[in-house]
Amino acid sequence: MNHLFITVALLFSTMSFLSFAAFAQMDYYPSNQNFLMAMTLDDSWGVRSQQGQKRSHKDLSIRLKEKVAQIMEDQGFAGFRNQYETLLADEEDGFGVVLVEVPEMSDIEQTIDEMWSYEDVLWAYPNFIYFGDYRESLSQDPYLEYQKHLPQIFAPNAWKVGRGEADIVVAVTDNGFDLHHEDMQGTYYRNPHEIPDNGRDDDGNGYIDDVYGWNFNAHNNDIFPSPGRGEGHGTHIAGIIAADTFNEVGVAGVAPNVQVMPLKWTGENPWTSAIIFETYAYAAKQGARIISTSYNVDFHVDDPTYIQALHFANDKGILVFNSAGNSGTFNPPRSGLDQILLVGSVKAGEIGVGETDRRSHFSNYGDGIDISAPGEFILSTHPGDRYTEERGTSQAAPIAAAVAALIWSHDPTLTASQVAHKLLTTCDPLHETNPEDYFYMGAGRPNAYAALEDSVRPLRMEVGELGHGMEVEGRDLRELTVKFYGVAQKFNRPFSLISAGEDGVLDTHDDREVALSYTEHVLYGTNYKKIRFPLPLRGQYRFTIWADAVADPFGQALDGDGDGIPGGDYVLDFSAF
């Protein structure tokens, strides 16, 4: 069966049931039998009862399906009233999302196009089916007796300040979780409003007996790894974040007192756009503050439903972390996503010894990588009370996410952007260990202790093509890359490029301003801007970033002059030839 997502998003899926595990080669196709559609929810069609009370998820779902049925019958699809699955329905969100099935042989592309003409429809997109293995771990046999990554990020020091709080929930989207693991007791988030095994949706959220997360692949509450499918990835990621610590058993998590919301989204059935949206929406509605995803999303950057899922999470104030990828690629497709924090991998080990903090050879890198965390030989939990070492950006992402959870636990009043800013600005730099690549490895390697103890540091910026002042070859120089160390919230025309003119001397009568083009939109995952100019550069120039035109989420001005204090413009004179 395939689906279309409507907002109430409609999403169409065209392909019949196929085993996810049967496809080693990653690929994706739009379903030809269903799509996703999103629709507005307002009082005009019964969002609230006559007494003004909010309607339940069940009531809203019924009303949504009736509304979708009217639209589909108008399009000539009578008799499909019961072929709709509600993925989101809450009056507070102002819209609902439905997976819509259509008969085989229908022109699903035309149907989706026609959905956009209805006033109540916010969007309608295909339901893509993703085949292959999108996890980003490279397995290793366990043999080390300690976890090298913990002292590397100063986690033991941070634990003297705080070990996290149970009300900070990190949702992990993965392939299965061993709830009975000896070193994960008390780690997993438990829905306080759901009574176990009574066959009822006690909290009215649309999910029956979702006591410990949900299985969005099989549409039930069985989140355990499927037998015989090698599904230890999710348990390993969960343990990295919050394995029990100081219990004289197994390993230690980075943030041992936070809780992990286990969300299983891959399994025996195909992995689809609808599953991704529903998983992220559930995490947001159930109170997660952070989502950690260790899957390859390069194929998803052109999937509008995936982008809508990220927007939904961002709008709910959630930080989304994602692995950067394991192909050693420069600027992978996902690097253009500003709605997430991409985490690359560095070698684990003792700081200052050997190749510690060097970029892992497999780790993707580039302009859009936000941070790099240890990702090699990471010892963590494995199903069946076992422990394994694994490597990959899959392991790096939850380490960064867990440090963010420590920050949020230390000060729960912070916004998502403020947490991201503290995480990024307290990183230890990587330029000494990676002199050629550091500019493309994000803000640095997390320092959990500094993130909790240090005062808020201001935003800094660096221009990749110019370094600290030099001559540059302007023949092919048509843009400058400005890297952010931190999060920019205020961003109001901060850049200026002045040409010295014909006399080749700055600050004289013939100086002129060069027209620049760039986007001013910024999110917490915006870590660079491309500044473009119409013609190649020749002569003497001054590039300026005005400190008062940029501010971080705490309201501090840019530290442009690099003295560690907010304020001070970034000014760099250079010559292009």
Protein backbone atom coordinates (compact mmCIF):
# COMPACT_ATOMS: atom_id res chain seq x y z
CA MET A 1 0.00 0.00 0.00
CA ASN A 2 1.20 3.49 -0.80
CA HIS A 3 0.22 6.81 0.70
CA LEU A 4 -0.11 10.50 0.04
CA PHE A 5 0.53 13.04 2.75
CA ILE A 6 -1.86 15.98 3.04
CA THR A 7 -1.50 18.86 5.57
CA VAL A 8 -4.02 18.11 6.42
CA ALA A 9 -1.14 17.31 4.12
CA LEU A 10 -1.64 14.65 1.54
CA LEU A 11 1.14 12.32 0.62
CA PHE A 12 0.86 9.67 -2.10
CA SER A 13 2.73 6.41 -2.11
CA THR A 14 2.73 4.30 -5.22
CA MET A 15 4.53 1.12 -4.45
CA SER A 16 3.28 -2.15 -3.03
CA PHE A 17 4.66 -3.72 0.12
CA LEU A 18 8.37 -4.53 -0.17
CA SER A 19 10.91 -5.48 2.44
CA PHE A 20 13.10 -2.57 3.51
CA ALA A 21 16.00 -4.90 4.23
CA ALA A 22 15.94 -6.41 0.74
CA PHE A 23 17.48 -3.30 -0.78
CA ALA A 24 21.16 -2.74 -0.07
CA GLN A 25 21.41 0.02 -2.68
CA MET A 26 19.87 3.24 -1.41
CA ASP A 27 17.16 4.65 -3.64
CA TYR A 28 13.73 6.20 -3.37
CA TYR A 29 10.53 6.35 -5.41
CA PRO A 30 7.21 8.17 -5.05
CA SER A 31 4.34 5.89 -4.19
CA ASN A 32 1.72 5.58 -6.92
CA GLN A 33 -1.11 4.70 -4.56
CA ASN A 34 -0.96 7.28 -1.79
CA PHE A 35 0.16 10.80 -0.95
CA LEU A 36 0.35 13.20 2.00
CA MET A 37 -1.94 16.19 2.42
CA ALA A 38 -2.09 18.90 5.07
CA MET A 39 -5.29 20.79 5.78
CA THR A 40 -6.24 23.68 8.00
CA LEU A 41 -8.09 23.07 11.24
CA ASP A 42 -10.33 25.90 12.40
CA ASP A 43 -13.64 26.47 14.12
CA SER A 44 -15.43 26.85 10.78
CA TRP A 45 -15.52 23.10 10.37
CA GLY A 46 -15.88 21.89 13.90
CA VAL A 47 -12.52 22.05 15.63
CA ARG A 48 -14.23 22.96 18.89
CA SER A 49 -17.39 21.59 20.39
CA GLN A 50 -20.46 23.72 21.05
CA GLN A 51 -19.20 24.22 24.61
CA GLY A 52 -15.93 25.63 23.26
CA GLN A 53 -13.90 22.60 24.39
CA LYS A 54 -11.04 21.31 22.27
CA ARG A 55 -12.02 18.20 20.36
CA SER A 56 -10.13 14.97 20.91
CA HIS A 57 -7.66 13.53 18.44
CA LYS A 58 -10.28 10.92 17.54
CA ASP A 59 -12.97 13.53 16.82
CA LEU A 60 -10.58 15.67 14.78
CA SER A 61 -9.37 12.64 12.87
CA ILE A 62 -12.92 11.71 11.96
CA ARG A 63 -13.65 15.26 10.84
CA LEU A 64 -10.44 15.38 8.82
CA LYS A 65 -11.25 12.14 7.06
CA GLU A 66 -14.74 13.43 6.24
CA LYS A 67 -13.24 16.60 4.79
CA VAL A 68 -10.69 14.63 2.77
CA ALA A 69 -13.45 12.27 1.58
CA GLN A 70 -15.42 15.26 0.28
CA ILE A 71 -12.42 16.48 -1.67
CA MET A 72 -11.60 13.04 -3.05
CA GLU A 73 -15.20 12.38 -4.05
CA ASP A 74 -15.16 15.75 -5.79
CA GLN A 75 -12.18 14.43 -7.74
CA GLY A 76 -14.07 11.28 -8.72
CA PHE A 77 -12.66 8.93 -6.07
CA ALA A 78 -15.89 7.80 -4.44
CA GLY A 79 -15.85 4.83 -2.07
CA PHE A 80 -12.46 5.52 -0.50
CA ARG A 81 -13.77 7.15 2.67
CA ASN A 82 -11.98 4.67 4.95
CA GLN A 83 -8.64 4.68 3.14
CA TYR A 84 -7.15 7.62 5.03
CA GLU A 85 -4.65 7.58 7.88
CA THR A 86 -4.33 10.61 10.14
CA LEU A 87 -0.72 11.41 11.00
CA LEU A 88 -1.33 14.67 12.86
CA ALA A 89 -4.48 16.30 14.21
CA ASP A 90 -4.37 18.91 16.94
CA GLU A 91 -6.26 22.20 17.14
CA GLU A 92 -3.22 23.94 18.66
CA ASP A 93 -1.19 23.27 15.51
CA GLY A 94 -3.89 24.74 13.30
CA PHE A 95 -3.61 21.98 10.71
CA GLY A 96 -3.77 18.24 10.30
CA VAL A 97 -1.94 15.77 8.07
CA VAL A 98 -3.49 12.79 6.36
CA LEU A 99 -2.10 9.93 4.30
CA VAL A 100 -4.48 9.46 1.38
CA GLU A 101 -4.78 6.31 -0.69
CA VAL A 102 -6.05 6.33 -4.27
CA PRO A 103 -6.90 3.44 -6.62
CA GLU A 104 -4.14 1.83 -8.66
CA MET A 105 -3.68 3.18 -12.19
CA SER A 106 -4.72 6.66 -11.03
CA ASP A 107 -2.73 9.65 -12.22
CA ILE A 108 -1.39 10.48 -8.80
CA GLU A 109 0.74 13.43 -9.95
CA GLN A 110 -2.32 15.11 -11.43
CA THR A 111 -4.33 14.34 -8.30
CA ILE A 112 -1.67 15.97 -6.11
CA ASP A 113 -1.57 19.03 -8.36
CA GLU A 114 -5.35 19.40 -8.10
CA MET A 115 -5.25 19.24 -4.29
CA TRP A 116 -3.47 22.59 -4.20
CA SER A 117 -6.57 24.32 -5.60
CA TYR A 118 -8.65 23.67 -2.47
CA GLU A 119 -8.78 26.47 0.08
CA ASP A 120 -8.40 24.18 3.11
CA VAL A 121 -5.37 22.35 1.70
CA LEU A 122 -2.04 23.77 2.88
CA TRP A 123 0.11 21.34 0.92
CA ALA A 124 0.06 18.02 -0.86
CA TYR A 125 3.19 15.99 -1.64
CA PRO A 126 4.19 12.50 -2.80
CA ASN A 127 4.85 9.80 -0.23
CA PHE A 128 8.38 8.73 -1.09
CA ILE A 129 9.50 5.20 -0.25
CA TYR A 130 13.15 4.89 0.73
CA PHE A 131 14.96 1.62 0.02
CA GLY A 132 18.33 0.50 1.35
CA ASP A 133 20.20 0.91 4.63
CA TYR A 134 20.35 4.55 5.70
CA ARG A 135 22.02 3.98 9.07
CA GLU A 136 25.46 5.55 9.37
CA SER A 137 27.45 3.25 11.64
CA LEU A 138 30.50 1.20 10.67
CA SER A 139 30.58 -1.78 13.08
CA GLN A 140 33.66 -2.88 15.03
CA ASP A 141 34.21 -5.77 17.43
CA PRO A 142 34.35 -4.69 21.08
CA TYR A 143 37.77 -4.89 22.68
CA LEU A 144 38.50 -1.61 24.46
CA GLU A 145 37.94 -1.42 28.21
CA TYR A 146 37.04 2.22 28.36
CA GLN A 147 35.16 4.89 26.47
CA LYS A 148 37.75 7.23 25.03
CA HIS A 149 35.19 9.78 23.87
CA LEU A 150 34.01 10.72 27.37
CA PRO A 151 37.19 12.41 28.66
CA GLN A 152 37.76 13.78 25.16
CA ILE A 153 34.60 15.89 25.48
CA PHE A 154 35.20 16.52 29.20
CA ALA A 155 32.06 14.62 30.21
CA PRO A 156 33.40 13.49 33.63
CA ASN A 157 34.16 17.13 34.44
CA ALA A 158 30.69 18.14 33.31
CA TRP A 159 29.08 15.49 35.56
CA LYS A 160 30.40 17.39 38.58
CA VAL A 161 28.10 20.22 37.46
CA GLY A 162 25.18 18.17 36.22
CA ARG A 163 24.32 14.79 34.72
CA GLY A 164 21.14 15.88 33.03
CA GLU A 165 17.52 15.91 34.15
CA ALA A 166 14.76 13.41 33.46
CA ASP A 167 12.40 16.05 32.10
CA ILE A 168 14.78 16.71 29.20
CA VAL A 169 13.78 14.12 26.63
CA VAL A 170 15.89 13.18 23.63
CA ALA A 171 13.93 11.38 20.91
CA VAL A 172 15.99 8.85 18.97
CA THR A 173 14.64 7.86 15.55
CA ASP A 174 16.06 4.48 14.64
CA ASN A 175 15.49 0.77 14.01
CA GLY A 176 14.70 -0.73 17.38
CA PHE A 177 15.52 -0.52 21.08
CA ASP A 178 16.21 -3.14 23.75
CA LEU A 179 14.11 -1.84 26.63
CA HIS A 180 15.37 -4.64 28.89
CA HIS A 181 19.10 -3.92 28.54
CA GLU A 182 20.81 -4.09 31.94
CA ASP A 183 22.48 -0.70 31.48
CA MET A 184 19.41 1.14 30.24
CA GLN A 185 17.02 0.66 33.13
CA GLY A 186 15.19 3.91 33.82
CA THR A 187 16.72 5.51 30.72
CA TYR A 188 13.76 5.30 28.37
CA TYR A 189 10.98 7.87 28.42
CA ARG A 190 7.68 6.56 29.75
CA ASN A 191 4.42 8.19 28.73
CA PRO A 192 2.89 9.16 32.09
CA HIS A 193 -0.62 9.44 30.66
CA GLU A 194 -0.84 5.96 29.15
CA ILE A 195 -1.88 2.83 31.07
CA PRO A 196 0.07 -0.21 29.85
CA ASP A 197 -1.60 -3.05 27.99
CA ASN A 198 -5.21 -1.98 28.41
CA GLY A 199 -5.82 -1.69 24.67
CA ARG A 200 -6.93 1.93 24.97
CA ASP A 201 -5.66 5.31 23.89
CA ASP A 202 -5.73 6.72 27.42
CA ASP A 203 -4.23 10.12 26.60
CA GLY A 204 -6.18 10.60 23.36
CA ASN A 205 -3.11 11.20 21.21
CA GLY A 206 -4.12 8.66 18.58
CA TYR A 207 -1.75 5.87 19.71
CA ILE A 208 -2.93 2.88 21.75
CA ASP A 209 -0.62 1.81 24.61
CA ASP A 210 2.27 4.03 23.53
CA VAL A 211 3.90 3.66 26.93
CA TYR A 212 7.47 3.53 25.62
CA GLY A 213 7.52 5.34 22.29
CA TRP A 214 6.02 3.94 19.11
CA ASN A 215 6.81 1.76 16.11
CA PHE A 216 5.87 3.91 13.11
CA ASN A 217 6.98 1.26 10.65
CA ALA A 218 4.60 -1.42 11.94
CA HIS A 219 1.98 0.93 13.46
CA ASN A 220 2.16 -0.60 16.93
CA ASN A 221 3.95 -0.19 20.25
CA ASP A 222 6.57 -2.90 19.68
CA ILE A 223 9.81 -0.94 19.49
CA PHE A 224 12.16 -3.87 20.14
CA PRO A 225 14.67 -4.86 17.46
CA SER A 226 13.19 -7.29 14.95
CA PRO A 227 14.77 -10.77 15.32
CA GLY A 228 17.35 -11.66 12.71
CA ARG A 229 17.62 -8.17 11.20
CA GLY A 230 20.73 -6.93 12.98
CA GLU A 231 18.87 -4.04 14.55
CA GLY A 232 21.32 -3.00 17.24
CA HIS A 233 21.80 0.52 15.89
CA GLY A 234 19.07 2.18 17.94
CA THR A 235 20.14 0.58 21.22
CA HIS A 236 23.73 1.69 20.59
CA ILE A 237 22.68 5.29 19.91
CA ALA A 238 20.42 5.38 22.99
CA GLY A 239 23.27 4.12 25.18
CA ILE A 240 25.67 6.76 23.91
CA ILE A 241 23.23 9.41 25.07
CA ALA A 242 22.01 8.10 28.40
CA ALA A 243 23.27 4.68 29.50
CA ASP A 244 23.12 4.38 33.27
CA THR A 245 26.20 5.77 34.99
CA PHE A 246 27.68 5.03 38.40
CA ASN A 247 25.68 1.79 38.55
CA GLU A 248 28.75 -0.48 38.31
CA VAL A 249 27.31 -2.01 35.14
CA GLY A 250 28.45 -1.64 31.55
CA VAL A 251 29.12 1.80 30.10
CA ALA A 252 28.28 5.44 30.75
CA GLY A 253 26.11 7.76 28.71
CA VAL A 254 27.12 11.36 28.04
CA ALA A 255 23.95 12.66 29.74
CA PRO A 256 23.00 9.75 32.00
CA ASN A 257 20.06 11.36 33.77
CA VAL A 258 18.11 12.54 30.71
CA GLN A 259 15.53 10.28 29.11
CA VAL A 260 15.50 8.75 25.65
CA MET A 261 12.22 8.55 23.71
CA PRO A 262 12.57 5.43 21.54
CA LEU A 263 10.94 5.90 18.13
CA LYS A 264 11.27 3.00 15.71
CA TRP A 265 10.81 4.06 12.10
CA THR A 266 12.52 1.38 10.01
CA GLY A 267 11.78 -2.32 10.03
CA GLU A 268 10.12 -4.89 7.83
CA ASN A 269 7.99 -2.39 5.93
CA PRO A 270 9.23 0.32 3.54
CA TRP A 271 10.53 3.57 5.04
CA THR A 272 8.46 6.47 3.70
CA SER A 273 7.98 10.21 3.83
CA ALA A 274 4.81 9.65 5.85
CA ILE A 275 6.69 7.66 8.49
CA ILE A 276 9.33 10.37 8.81
CA PHE A 277 6.78 13.15 9.22
CA GLU A 278 4.69 11.21 11.71
CA THR A 279 7.75 10.28 13.78
CA TYR A 280 8.98 13.86 14.06
CA ALA A 281 5.46 15.13 14.76
CA TYR A 282 4.99 12.55 17.52
CA ALA A 283 8.30 13.49 19.14
CA ALA A 284 7.27 17.14 19.13
CA LYS A 285 3.79 16.50 20.51
CA GLN A 286 5.06 14.17 23.25
CA GLY A 287 7.47 16.71 24.69
CA ALA A 288 10.88 15.85 23.26
CA ARG A 289 13.31 18.76 23.38
CA ILE A 290 15.89 17.17 21.07
CA ILE A 291 15.70 14.72 18.17
CA SER A 292 18.78 12.66 17.30
CA THR A 293 18.75 11.01 13.88
CA SER A 294 21.68 8.93 12.66
CA TYR A 295 20.45 8.19 9.15
CA ASN A 296 21.52 9.26 5.67
CA VAL A 297 19.19 12.09 4.61
CA ASP A 298 20.99 13.08 1.41
CA PHE A 299 18.12 11.56 -0.55
CA HIS A 300 15.59 13.52 1.47
CA VAL A 301 16.66 17.08 0.73
CA ASP A 302 14.29 17.22 -2.24
CA ASP A 303 11.43 15.55 -0.36
CA PRO A 304 9.06 18.39 0.61
CA THR A 305 7.39 16.29 3.28
CA TYR A 306 10.72 15.73 5.03
CA ILE A 307 11.31 19.50 4.95
CA GLN A 308 7.84 20.03 6.41
CA ALA A 309 8.72 17.60 9.22
CA LEU A 310 11.81 19.65 10.03
CA HIS A 311 9.80 22.88 9.96
CA PHE A 312 7.24 21.35 12.30
CA ALA A 313 9.93 20.30 14.77
CA ASN A 314 11.64 23.71 14.55
CA ASP A 315 8.34 25.50 15.11
CA LYS A 316 7.89 23.45 18.29
CA GLY A 317 11.27 24.61 19.58
CA ILE A 318 13.05 21.29 19.06
CA LEU A 319 16.74 20.88 18.22
CA VAL A 320 17.31 18.29 15.50
CA PHE A 321 20.71 16.61 15.19
CA ASN A 322 21.67 14.46 12.22
CA SER A 323 24.78 12.54 11.27
CA ALA A 324 26.88 14.23 8.56
CA GLY A 325 27.50 11.02 6.61
CA ASN A 326 30.19 8.42 6.13
CA SER A 327 31.26 8.71 2.49
CA GLY A 328 34.07 11.24 3.00
CA THR A 329 32.17 13.63 0.75
CA PHE A 330 32.72 17.37 0.60
CA ASN A 331 29.45 19.32 0.85
CA PRO A 332 26.99 16.40 0.72
CA PRO A 333 23.41 17.33 -0.26
CA ARG A 334 22.27 17.47 3.38
CA SER A 335 24.78 20.24 4.13
CA GLY A 336 22.32 22.78 2.71
CA LEU A 337 19.74 22.07 5.43
CA ASP A 338 19.56 24.91 7.97
CA GLN A 339 16.86 23.22 10.08
CA ILE A 340 19.25 20.67 11.57
CA LEU A 341 22.67 20.49 13.19
CA LEU A 342 24.94 18.21 11.15
CA VAL A 343 27.56 16.32 13.12
CA GLY A 344 30.81 15.11 11.59
CA SER A 345 33.25 12.64 13.13
CA VAL A 346 36.73 13.00 14.60
CA LYS A 347 39.06 10.31 15.92
CA ALA A 348 38.53 9.45 19.56
CA GLY A 349 41.36 9.32 22.06
CA GLU A 350 43.43 11.25 24.58
CA ILE A 351 43.63 14.94 23.71
CA GLY A 352 47.00 15.92 22.31
CA VAL A 353 48.07 12.34 21.65
CA GLY A 354 48.42 10.76 18.21
CA GLU A 355 45.63 11.50 15.76
CA THR A 356 43.00 12.40 18.35
CA ASP A 357 40.61 15.04 17.01
CA ARG A 358 41.68 14.48 13.41
CA ARG A 359 38.78 14.26 10.97
CA SER A 360 37.74 10.66 10.49
CA HIS A 361 38.61 9.59 6.96
CA PHE A 362 35.02 8.50 6.36
CA SER A 363 33.36 11.64 7.72
CA ASN A 364 31.64 14.01 5.34
CA TYR A 365 32.79 17.62 5.64
CA GLY A 366 32.00 20.98 4.10
CA ASP A 367 30.40 24.38 4.56
CA GLY A 368 27.22 23.05 6.16
CA ILE A 369 28.76 20.83 8.86
CA ASP A 370 27.93 22.39 12.23
CA ILE A 371 30.07 20.46 14.71
CA SER A 372 32.36 17.40 14.86
CA ALA A 373 32.28 14.88 17.71
CA PRO A 374 34.15 11.65 18.41
CA GLY A 375 32.88 8.92 16.12
CA GLU A 376 35.44 6.12 16.12
CA PHE A 377 35.49 3.06 18.38
CA ILE A 378 32.56 4.29 20.46
CA LEU A 379 31.66 1.68 23.06
CA SER A 380 27.97 1.51 23.91
CA THR A 381 25.03 -0.77 24.59
CA HIS A 382 23.88 -3.56 22.26
CA PRO A 383 20.74 -5.71 22.47
CA GLY A 384 20.92 -8.69 24.81
CA ASP A 385 22.93 -7.06 27.61
CA ARG A 386 25.92 -6.81 25.31
CA TYR A 387 28.29 -3.95 24.45
CA THR A 388 29.89 -3.20 21.11
CA GLU A 389 32.22 -0.66 19.62
CA GLU A 390 31.02 1.06 16.49
CA ARG A 391 32.23 3.93 14.39
CA GLY A 392 30.55 6.41 12.12
CA THR A 393 28.90 9.78 12.17
CA SER A 394 25.95 7.81 13.58
CA GLN A 395 27.90 7.69 16.83
CA ALA A 396 29.08 11.31 16.66
CA ALA A 397 25.57 12.78 16.33
CA PRO A 398 24.17 11.45 19.65
CA ILE A 399 27.29 12.64 21.48
CA ALA A 400 26.62 16.20 20.33
CA ALA A 401 22.90 15.80 21.05
CA ALA A 402 23.66 14.57 24.57
CA VAL A 403 25.86 17.58 25.32
CA ALA A 404 22.94 19.77 24.20
CA ALA A 405 20.73 17.81 26.62
CA LEU A 406 23.18 18.60 29.45
CA ILE A 407 23.01 22.30 28.55
CA TRP A 408 19.23 22.28 28.51
CA SER A 409 19.11 20.38 31.80
CA HIS A 410 21.41 22.95 33.39
CA ASP A 411 19.13 25.80 32.27
CA PRO A 412 15.70 24.62 31.06
CA THR A 413 14.62 28.21 30.32
CA LEU A 414 16.86 28.37 27.25
CA THR A 415 15.42 28.31 23.74
CA ALA A 416 16.57 25.82 21.13
CA SER A 417 18.67 28.48 19.43
CA GLN A 418 20.29 29.46 22.73
CA VAL A 419 21.18 25.82 23.49
CA ALA A 420 22.66 25.46 20.02
CA HIS A 421 24.63 28.68 20.48
CA LYS A 422 26.12 27.53 23.80
CA LEU A 423 27.00 24.15 22.32
CA LEU A 424 28.74 25.66 19.30
CA THR A 425 30.54 28.56 20.96
CA THR A 426 32.07 26.42 23.72
CA CYS A 427 33.57 23.86 21.32
CA ASP A 428 37.29 23.26 21.40
CA PRO A 429 38.84 24.37 18.08
CA LEU A 430 40.13 21.85 15.56
CA HIS A 431 42.46 24.01 13.48
CA GLU A 432 45.67 22.62 14.99
CA THR A 433 44.76 18.99 14.35
CA ASN A 434 43.07 19.73 11.03
CA PRO A 435 44.89 22.68 9.45
CA GLU A 436 43.47 21.97 5.99
CA ASP A 437 39.95 20.82 6.91
CA TYR A 438 38.97 22.68 10.09
CA PHE A 439 36.96 25.33 8.23
CA TYR A 440 34.74 22.53 6.94
CA MET A 441 34.26 20.70 10.26
CA GLY A 442 31.91 23.11 11.97
CA ALA A 443 32.49 24.99 15.21
CA GLY A 444 34.83 22.36 16.66
CA ARG A 445 34.63 19.40 19.04
CA PRO A 446 32.12 19.59 21.94
CA ASN A 447 33.40 20.48 25.40
CA ALA A 448 30.63 19.48 27.81
CA TYR A 449 32.24 21.09 30.83
CA ALA A 450 32.76 24.46 29.13
CA ALA A 451 29.19 24.30 27.81
CA LEU A 452 27.87 24.15 31.39
CA GLU A 453 30.37 26.32 33.24
CA ASP A 454 31.40 29.09 30.86
CA SER A 455 29.46 32.31 30.47
CA VAL A 456 27.71 32.90 27.17
CA ARG A 457 30.25 33.58 24.48
CA PRO A 458 29.43 35.93 21.59
CA LEU A 459 29.06 34.91 17.96
CA ARG A 460 32.22 34.97 15.83
CA MET A 461 32.68 34.83 12.07
CA GLU A 462 35.51 33.96 9.70
CA VAL A 463 35.92 34.41 5.95
CA GLY A 464 37.26 31.21 4.42
CA GLU A 465 38.75 32.63 1.24
CA LEU A 466 40.56 35.46 3.06
CA GLY A 467 41.87 33.87 6.22
CA HIS A 468 43.47 36.57 8.38
CA GLY A 469 44.43 38.93 5.60
CA MET A 470 46.33 38.04 2.45
CA GLU A 471 46.56 38.44 -1.24
CA VAL A 472 44.00 36.37 -3.10
CA GLU A 473 43.72 35.45 -6.74
CA GLY A 474 40.59 37.23 -7.90
CA ARG A 475 40.40 35.76 -11.39
CA ASP A 476 37.86 33.15 -10.30
CA LEU A 477 36.81 34.69 -6.98
CA ARG A 478 33.09 35.34 -7.36
CA GLU A 479 32.02 34.73 -3.77
CA LEU A 480 33.15 34.76 -0.16
CA THR A 481 32.18 32.14 2.41
CA VAL A 482 31.46 33.60 5.85
CA LYS A 483 31.49 30.93 8.54
CA PHE A 484 29.53 31.34 11.77
CA TYR A 485 30.90 30.15 15.13
CA GLY A 486 27.60 30.15 16.98
CA VAL A 487 24.03 31.03 16.06
CA ALA A 488 22.95 34.29 14.44
CA GLN A 489 19.46 35.47 15.26
CA LYS A 490 19.51 39.12 14.23
CA PHE A 491 20.90 39.44 10.72
CA ASN A 492 20.28 42.82 9.08
CA ARG A 493 22.46 43.60 6.04
CA PRO A 494 25.73 43.06 7.91
CA PHE A 495 28.20 42.84 5.02
CA SER A 496 30.10 45.53 3.13
CA LEU A 497 32.75 45.24 0.40
CA ILE A 498 34.58 48.43 -0.59
CA SER A 499 36.82 48.73 -3.65
CA ALA A 500 39.76 51.12 -3.53
CA GLY A 501 38.96 52.25 -7.07
CA GLU A 502 41.39 53.28 -9.79
CA ASP A 503 44.03 54.76 -7.46
CA GLY A 504 44.34 51.44 -5.62
CA VAL A 505 44.27 53.16 -2.22
CA LEU A 506 41.50 52.70 0.33
CA ASP A 507 39.90 55.64 2.14
CA THR A 508 40.24 57.99 -0.83
CA HIS A 509 37.73 59.82 -3.00
CA ASP A 510 37.26 57.09 -5.59
CA ASP A 511 36.39 54.26 -3.19
CA ARG A 512 33.17 52.53 -4.21
CA GLU A 513 30.91 49.92 -2.68
CA VAL A 514 30.61 46.58 -4.47
CA ALA A 515 27.09 45.20 -4.86
CA LEU A 516 26.67 42.00 -2.85
CA SER A 517 23.99 39.33 -2.98
CA TYR A 518 23.16 36.91 -0.20
CA THR A 519 20.16 35.63 1.73
CA GLU A 520 19.39 37.13 5.13
CA HIS A 521 17.27 34.23 6.40
CA VAL A 522 18.96 32.42 9.30
CA LEU A 523 18.04 29.41 11.49
CA TYR A 524 19.95 27.72 14.30
CA GLY A 525 21.52 25.42 11.71
CA THR A 526 22.73 28.30 9.52
CA ASN A 527 26.49 28.16 9.92
CA TYR A 528 27.67 29.97 6.81
CA LYS A 529 26.64 32.49 4.18
CA LYS A 530 27.79 32.75 0.60
CA ILE A 531 28.43 36.39 -0.34
CA ARG A 532 28.37 36.80 -4.12
CA PHE A 533 29.40 39.74 -6.30
CA PRO A 534 28.74 40.38 -9.99
CA LEU A 535 32.33 40.51 -11.34
CA PRO A 536 35.66 38.92 -10.40
CA LEU A 537 37.71 41.03 -7.99
CA ARG A 538 40.75 43.10 -9.05
CA GLY A 539 42.65 45.54 -6.85
CA GLN A 540 42.46 46.57 -3.20
CA TYR A 541 39.35 45.83 -1.09
CA ARG A 542 38.01 46.10 2.44
CA PHE A 543 35.49 43.55 3.65
CA THR A 544 33.48 44.48 6.75
CA ILE A 545 30.96 42.67 8.91
CA TRP A 546 29.14 45.26 11.03
CA ALA A 547 28.90 44.02 14.61
CA ASP A 548 25.68 45.86 15.42
CA ALA A 549 23.93 44.28 12.40
CA VAL A 550 24.34 40.76 13.81
CA ALA A 551 23.28 39.37 17.18
CA ASP A 552 23.20 35.93 18.79
CA PRO A 553 20.10 34.42 20.48
CA PHE A 554 21.10 36.06 23.78
CA GLY A 555 21.04 39.52 22.18
CA GLN A 556 24.81 39.93 22.14
CA ALA A 557 26.42 41.70 19.20
CA LEU A 558 28.93 39.98 16.96
CA ASP A 559 32.47 39.70 18.29
CA GLY A 560 33.94 40.91 15.02
CA ASP A 561 37.40 41.88 16.24
CA GLY A 562 37.97 38.57 18.02
CA ASP A 563 38.66 39.92 21.50
CA GLY A 564 36.04 37.67 23.13
CA ILE A 565 33.77 40.61 23.94
CA PRO A 566 30.53 41.39 22.08
CA GLY A 567 30.94 44.27 19.65
CA GLY A 568 33.73 45.34 17.35
CA ASP A 569 33.41 45.12 13.58
CA TYR A 570 35.15 42.48 11.51
CA VAL A 571 37.37 44.46 9.10
CA LEU A 572 39.80 42.88 6.67
CA ASP A 573 41.79 44.63 3.92
CA PHE A 574 43.03 42.44 1.08
CA SER A 575 44.23 42.63 -2.48
CA ALA A 576 42.93 40.58 -5.39
CA PHE A 577 44.93 40.05 -8.57
